N, C-alpha and C. Protein backbone atom coordinates (compact mmCIF):
# COMPACT_ATOMS: atom_id res chain seq x y z
N MET A 1 -31.00 -12.33 -37.03
CA MET A 1 -31.81 -13.43 -37.56
C MET A 1 -31.59 -14.67 -36.72
N ASN A 2 -32.67 -15.34 -36.46
CA ASN A 2 -32.62 -16.57 -35.70
C ASN A 2 -32.40 -17.74 -36.66
N PRO A 3 -31.31 -18.50 -36.52
CA PRO A 3 -31.04 -19.59 -37.47
C PRO A 3 -32.01 -20.76 -37.34
N ASN A 4 -32.77 -20.81 -36.25
CA ASN A 4 -33.71 -21.91 -36.04
C ASN A 4 -35.07 -21.65 -36.66
N VAL A 5 -35.28 -20.45 -37.19
CA VAL A 5 -36.57 -20.10 -37.79
C VAL A 5 -36.40 -20.07 -39.31
N PRO A 6 -37.26 -20.77 -40.06
CA PRO A 6 -37.12 -20.74 -41.52
C PRO A 6 -37.42 -19.35 -42.06
N PRO A 7 -36.87 -19.00 -43.20
CA PRO A 7 -37.13 -17.69 -43.77
C PRO A 7 -38.60 -17.49 -44.12
N GLN A 8 -39.00 -16.25 -44.23
CA GLN A 8 -40.39 -15.93 -44.52
C GLN A 8 -40.75 -16.44 -45.92
N GLY A 9 -41.90 -17.06 -46.06
CA GLY A 9 -42.34 -17.60 -47.33
C GLY A 9 -41.82 -19.01 -47.60
N TYR A 10 -41.09 -19.59 -46.65
CA TYR A 10 -40.52 -20.93 -46.83
C TYR A 10 -41.62 -21.98 -46.74
N GLN A 11 -41.62 -22.90 -47.70
CA GLN A 11 -42.54 -24.03 -47.65
C GLN A 11 -41.72 -25.30 -47.79
N GLN A 12 -41.99 -26.22 -46.93
CA GLN A 12 -41.24 -27.47 -46.97
C GLN A 12 -41.63 -28.26 -48.23
N ALA A 13 -40.64 -28.81 -48.90
CA ALA A 13 -40.88 -29.59 -50.12
C ALA A 13 -41.66 -30.86 -49.78
N PRO A 14 -42.57 -31.28 -50.65
CA PRO A 14 -43.33 -32.50 -50.37
C PRO A 14 -42.40 -33.72 -50.42
N GLN A 15 -42.75 -34.69 -49.63
CA GLN A 15 -41.96 -35.91 -49.59
C GLN A 15 -42.26 -36.73 -50.84
N GLN A 16 -41.25 -37.04 -51.63
CA GLN A 16 -41.46 -37.73 -52.88
C GLN A 16 -41.02 -39.19 -52.82
N PHE A 17 -39.99 -39.46 -52.08
CA PHE A 17 -39.47 -40.82 -52.00
C PHE A 17 -39.58 -41.34 -50.57
N TYR A 18 -39.55 -42.63 -50.46
CA TYR A 18 -39.60 -43.31 -49.17
C TYR A 18 -40.82 -42.87 -48.39
N GLN A 19 -42.00 -43.22 -48.88
CA GLN A 19 -43.24 -42.83 -48.22
C GLN A 19 -43.81 -43.98 -47.42
N GLY A 20 -42.99 -44.67 -46.72
CA GLY A 20 -43.49 -45.76 -45.90
C GLY A 20 -42.36 -46.57 -45.32
N ALA A 21 -42.71 -47.73 -44.81
CA ALA A 21 -41.71 -48.58 -44.17
C ALA A 21 -40.90 -49.39 -45.17
N ASN A 22 -41.37 -49.47 -46.42
CA ASN A 22 -40.68 -50.28 -47.42
C ASN A 22 -40.01 -49.37 -48.44
N PRO A 23 -38.68 -49.20 -48.38
CA PRO A 23 -38.02 -48.31 -49.33
C PRO A 23 -38.08 -48.81 -50.77
N ALA A 24 -38.31 -50.11 -50.96
CA ALA A 24 -38.39 -50.66 -52.32
C ALA A 24 -39.75 -50.39 -52.96
N GLY A 25 -40.70 -49.89 -52.20
CA GLY A 25 -42.04 -49.66 -52.72
C GLY A 25 -42.08 -48.61 -53.81
N SER A 26 -41.24 -47.58 -53.70
CA SER A 26 -41.27 -46.51 -54.69
C SER A 26 -40.09 -46.58 -55.65
N GLN A 27 -39.26 -47.60 -55.53
CA GLN A 27 -38.09 -47.73 -56.39
C GLN A 27 -38.08 -49.13 -56.99
N PRO A 28 -38.64 -49.29 -58.19
CA PRO A 28 -38.80 -50.63 -58.77
C PRO A 28 -37.51 -51.41 -58.94
N MET A 29 -36.38 -50.73 -59.16
CA MET A 29 -35.12 -51.45 -59.36
C MET A 29 -34.68 -52.16 -58.08
N MET A 30 -35.26 -51.79 -56.96
CA MET A 30 -34.87 -52.41 -55.69
C MET A 30 -35.79 -53.56 -55.29
N TRP A 31 -36.85 -53.84 -56.07
CA TRP A 31 -37.81 -54.85 -55.66
C TRP A 31 -37.16 -56.19 -55.40
N LEU A 32 -36.24 -56.58 -56.26
CA LEU A 32 -35.62 -57.89 -56.10
C LEU A 32 -34.55 -57.88 -55.02
N SER A 33 -33.68 -56.89 -55.04
CA SER A 33 -32.53 -56.91 -54.15
C SER A 33 -32.83 -56.39 -52.76
N ALA A 34 -33.83 -55.53 -52.59
CA ALA A 34 -34.10 -54.97 -51.26
C ALA A 34 -34.73 -55.99 -50.34
N SER A 35 -35.47 -56.92 -50.90
CA SER A 35 -36.13 -57.90 -50.05
C SER A 35 -35.17 -58.95 -49.52
N ASN A 36 -34.07 -59.17 -50.22
CA ASN A 36 -33.12 -60.19 -49.81
C ASN A 36 -31.71 -59.74 -50.19
N PRO A 37 -30.89 -59.37 -49.22
CA PRO A 37 -29.54 -58.90 -49.55
C PRO A 37 -28.65 -59.99 -50.14
N ASN A 38 -29.05 -61.24 -50.05
CA ASN A 38 -28.25 -62.33 -50.61
C ASN A 38 -28.37 -62.43 -52.12
N THR A 39 -29.17 -61.60 -52.75
CA THR A 39 -29.33 -61.64 -54.20
C THR A 39 -28.29 -60.76 -54.91
N ALA A 40 -27.32 -60.25 -54.18
CA ALA A 40 -26.29 -59.42 -54.81
C ALA A 40 -25.51 -60.21 -55.85
N TRP A 41 -25.30 -61.48 -55.63
CA TRP A 41 -24.58 -62.31 -56.61
C TRP A 41 -25.36 -62.39 -57.92
N LEU A 42 -26.72 -62.42 -57.83
CA LEU A 42 -27.53 -62.45 -59.03
C LEU A 42 -27.39 -61.15 -59.81
N MET A 43 -27.37 -60.04 -59.11
CA MET A 43 -27.19 -58.75 -59.77
C MET A 43 -25.82 -58.69 -60.46
N GLY A 44 -24.80 -59.26 -59.82
CA GLY A 44 -23.48 -59.30 -60.43
C GLY A 44 -23.45 -60.12 -61.70
N ILE A 45 -24.13 -61.26 -61.67
CA ILE A 45 -24.19 -62.11 -62.86
C ILE A 45 -24.94 -61.40 -63.99
N LEU A 46 -26.07 -60.77 -63.66
CA LEU A 46 -26.83 -60.06 -64.68
C LEU A 46 -26.03 -58.90 -65.25
N TRP A 47 -25.26 -58.21 -64.42
CA TRP A 47 -24.41 -57.12 -64.90
C TRP A 47 -23.37 -57.66 -65.88
N PHE A 48 -22.75 -58.79 -65.53
CA PHE A 48 -21.73 -59.39 -66.37
C PHE A 48 -22.31 -59.84 -67.71
N VAL A 49 -23.46 -60.51 -67.67
CA VAL A 49 -24.11 -60.98 -68.90
C VAL A 49 -24.50 -59.79 -69.79
N THR A 50 -24.98 -58.73 -69.18
CA THR A 50 -25.34 -57.53 -69.95
C THR A 50 -24.14 -56.99 -70.70
N TRP A 51 -23.00 -56.89 -70.05
CA TRP A 51 -21.80 -56.36 -70.72
C TRP A 51 -21.29 -57.30 -71.79
N ILE A 52 -21.41 -58.61 -71.59
CA ILE A 52 -21.02 -59.56 -72.64
C ILE A 52 -21.90 -59.33 -73.87
N LEU A 53 -23.20 -59.15 -73.68
CA LEU A 53 -24.11 -58.91 -74.80
C LEU A 53 -23.81 -57.58 -75.50
N ILE A 54 -23.49 -56.55 -74.74
CA ILE A 54 -23.15 -55.25 -75.34
C ILE A 54 -21.90 -55.38 -76.20
N ILE A 55 -20.89 -56.07 -75.69
CA ILE A 55 -19.65 -56.24 -76.45
C ILE A 55 -19.91 -57.07 -77.71
N ALA A 56 -20.75 -58.10 -77.61
CA ALA A 56 -21.06 -58.92 -78.77
C ALA A 56 -21.76 -58.10 -79.86
N VAL A 57 -22.67 -57.23 -79.47
CA VAL A 57 -23.35 -56.39 -80.45
C VAL A 57 -22.37 -55.42 -81.10
N LEU A 58 -21.47 -54.85 -80.33
CA LEU A 58 -20.48 -53.93 -80.89
C LEU A 58 -19.54 -54.64 -81.87
N VAL A 59 -19.13 -55.85 -81.54
CA VAL A 59 -18.26 -56.61 -82.44
C VAL A 59 -19.00 -56.94 -83.73
N ALA A 60 -20.27 -57.35 -83.61
CA ALA A 60 -21.06 -57.66 -84.81
C ALA A 60 -21.24 -56.42 -85.68
N LEU A 61 -21.48 -55.28 -85.09
CA LEU A 61 -21.62 -54.04 -85.85
C LEU A 61 -20.32 -53.66 -86.53
N PHE A 62 -19.21 -53.81 -85.83
CA PHE A 62 -17.90 -53.52 -86.40
C PHE A 62 -17.62 -54.42 -87.60
N ARG A 63 -17.90 -55.72 -87.49
CA ARG A 63 -17.68 -56.65 -88.60
C ARG A 63 -18.57 -56.32 -89.79
N LEU A 64 -19.83 -55.95 -89.51
CA LEU A 64 -20.74 -55.59 -90.59
C LEU A 64 -20.23 -54.36 -91.35
N LEU A 65 -19.82 -53.35 -90.62
CA LEU A 65 -19.31 -52.14 -91.27
C LEU A 65 -18.00 -52.42 -92.01
N TRP A 66 -17.17 -53.28 -91.46
CA TRP A 66 -15.90 -53.63 -92.11
C TRP A 66 -16.18 -54.31 -93.46
N ARG A 67 -17.13 -55.25 -93.47
CA ARG A 67 -17.45 -55.97 -94.71
C ARG A 67 -18.08 -55.03 -95.74
N LYS A 68 -18.92 -54.12 -95.30
CA LYS A 68 -19.51 -53.16 -96.24
C LYS A 68 -18.43 -52.25 -96.83
N GLY A 69 -17.42 -51.92 -96.02
CA GLY A 69 -16.32 -51.12 -96.53
C GLY A 69 -15.50 -51.85 -97.57
N GLU A 70 -15.28 -53.14 -97.35
CA GLU A 70 -14.53 -53.95 -98.33
C GLU A 70 -15.31 -54.09 -99.63
N GLU A 71 -16.63 -54.24 -99.54
CA GLU A 71 -17.45 -54.33 -100.75
C GLU A 71 -17.40 -53.02 -101.53
N ALA A 72 -17.38 -51.92 -100.83
CA ALA A 72 -17.33 -50.61 -101.50
C ALA A 72 -15.99 -50.42 -102.20
N LYS A 73 -14.91 -50.96 -101.63
CA LYS A 73 -13.59 -50.85 -102.25
C LYS A 73 -13.51 -51.66 -103.54
N LYS A 74 -14.17 -52.82 -103.59
CA LYS A 74 -14.13 -53.69 -104.77
C LYS A 74 -14.83 -53.07 -105.97
N ARG A 75 -15.79 -52.21 -105.74
CA ARG A 75 -16.53 -51.62 -106.86
C ARG A 75 -15.75 -50.60 -107.60
C-alpha cells in the first residue's frame, strides 16, 4: 500500500471553520477579542464579574434555603 494515496472510497470532509481570512467571522465569541489583542484585560474583568455574580446568587440561594429550613423547624 502506498501511504501517499488515500484509501478507496475516501472523501475529504467539508471545511466547516475558518472559511476565509477572518477567523472571527465564524466564531462569534472572538468578534471582540480577535480584532484587538489589547482587549484581553476586558475579558479578564468580565470573567471576574461573572464569577462574583455566580457566587452572589449561590449565597442568596443558600440563605433562602437556610431560612426556609428554620421556619420548618419552628412549626
